Amino acid sequence: MTVPGAVSTIEWVAAVLFGLAVLHTFSTKLFAKLAHGHSAHSGLWHWFAEIEVVFGVWALVLMLSLYALLGEQQAVAYLESRNFTEPLFVFAIMVVAASRPILLSVQYLLETATRFMPVNQGIAMYWLCLGILPLLGSFITEPAAMTLAALLLRDRFFTASVSSRFRYATLGVLFVNISIGGTLTNFAAPPVLMVAASWNWSSTFMLTQFGWKAALAVFVNASVLALWVRHELRDLKMPKNAEVPVPRLVSAIHVTFLVGVIVFAHHPPVFMGLLLFFIGYTEAYKQHQSPLILKEALLVAFFLAGLVVLGGLQQWWLQDTLLGVGSGALFFLATGLTAITDNAALTYLASLVEGTSAEFRYAIVAGAVTGGGLTVIANAPNPAGLSILKDRFTDGTVNPIKLLLAALPPTVIAGSAFMLL
């Protein structure tokens, strides 16, 4: 990608296409309306209305532009230089974590915990989904925590009787809490993982500098929201668990696959191989399974892969934007930039800057995780949660503006915890 006179042009083209992709994410409602009004091409418009396909579509446009401007060799070389480990991992972890034995095991543990909580069972379960599962993301990874929390919220609480206000408020808090809930360790949150090795951040460092503050913000966010929607939660009839129990051995095997995927999260040949064995196992014992969410996981992987391709040529303006800014302003800048980029990409670019201070490093990571719930593209696990929950919203789409507004209050609480404590 070092063709004289062409690089700057490509970078400008990539920046414009990235901007169009971001604009597209805020325009999915328009494409949904076009799908209803134009039957001849409704399938195409409906496809464009899917947030998960947005960055994949614009990544294709970018690759065609590279091919036209630089030629086949340079275009292919750029694509091969991208690291697609994260999209592949999210695909694998979503499929395994959403399997019936895993979901029933988590559900059983949470239901057991509600018996010891001095509140209505529905409120207790709701709080656990938003207050405990996001923190588990520090250990089972954020995408796995998002998948489990979204599935439990969908099946338990996103019924026809709850209001649109309830749905958006829940989604906003879920996204924010997942984003900050992975900071108790140095390996589970993508924006932390990008800098941990370069800056020698251990899990002990993360827990003492970020983790306890994040946990406090998660608890406050979950508690405030549960209190705010308590009347709707009390009116909900908790579904009785009529599921046929899964043999403990089957559950143990599923947990083993889940742990294996997590342990080898940075080695695609290993975790993708485990996924293939897992799919084979579920086919052999169908009586204990529900359909795997392969389609949803593929769409999320497609979204993240497109973000990897488009984001790879944004360094020229993102890194310059971060330099020369004080730590206080940098926190707010990082929070805002995260909303229109991926927070892991933002911290990765920051890790390339040499000679940065401890204040710079803290501000950039704190801002990146704080803003990780503002939009679908702000944090890698968000598309996973969206793919699971979006069908419970009007027209099967989530309004990005309403999501942004719903995520602002928990974002302010998270930011206050990181900057004031």
Foldseek 3Di string as FASTA:
>chain_A
DPDPPCLVVLLVVLVVLLVVLLVLLQCLVVLLVVLVVDVVCNVVSPVSSQNLCSLLVSLVVSLVVCCVRPNDVVSVVLLVVFDLLLLLLLLLLLLLLLKQLNLVVVVVVQQVVLVVDPDDSLLSSQLCLQQPLLLCLLPLALLSSLNSSLQCCQVWPLDPPDDPLLVLLSLLSNQLLNLLSNQLAQQRFLQSVLQCVLVVQGSVNSNVQRNVLSSVLSNVSSVVSSVVCVVVSVPGDGDDPPDDDDDPVVSVVSVVLSVQSSVVSVPSVRNVVSSVVVVVVCVVVVVSTDDGPNVLSVSLSSSVSSLSSSLVSNLVPLLVVQPPDDLVVNLQVLLVVLQSHELSSNSNSVSVDPPDDPSSNLSNSLSLSLNRSQFQRNGSSSSSSLSSNQCSDVSSHDNSVSSNVSNVVSSVSSSCSNPPD
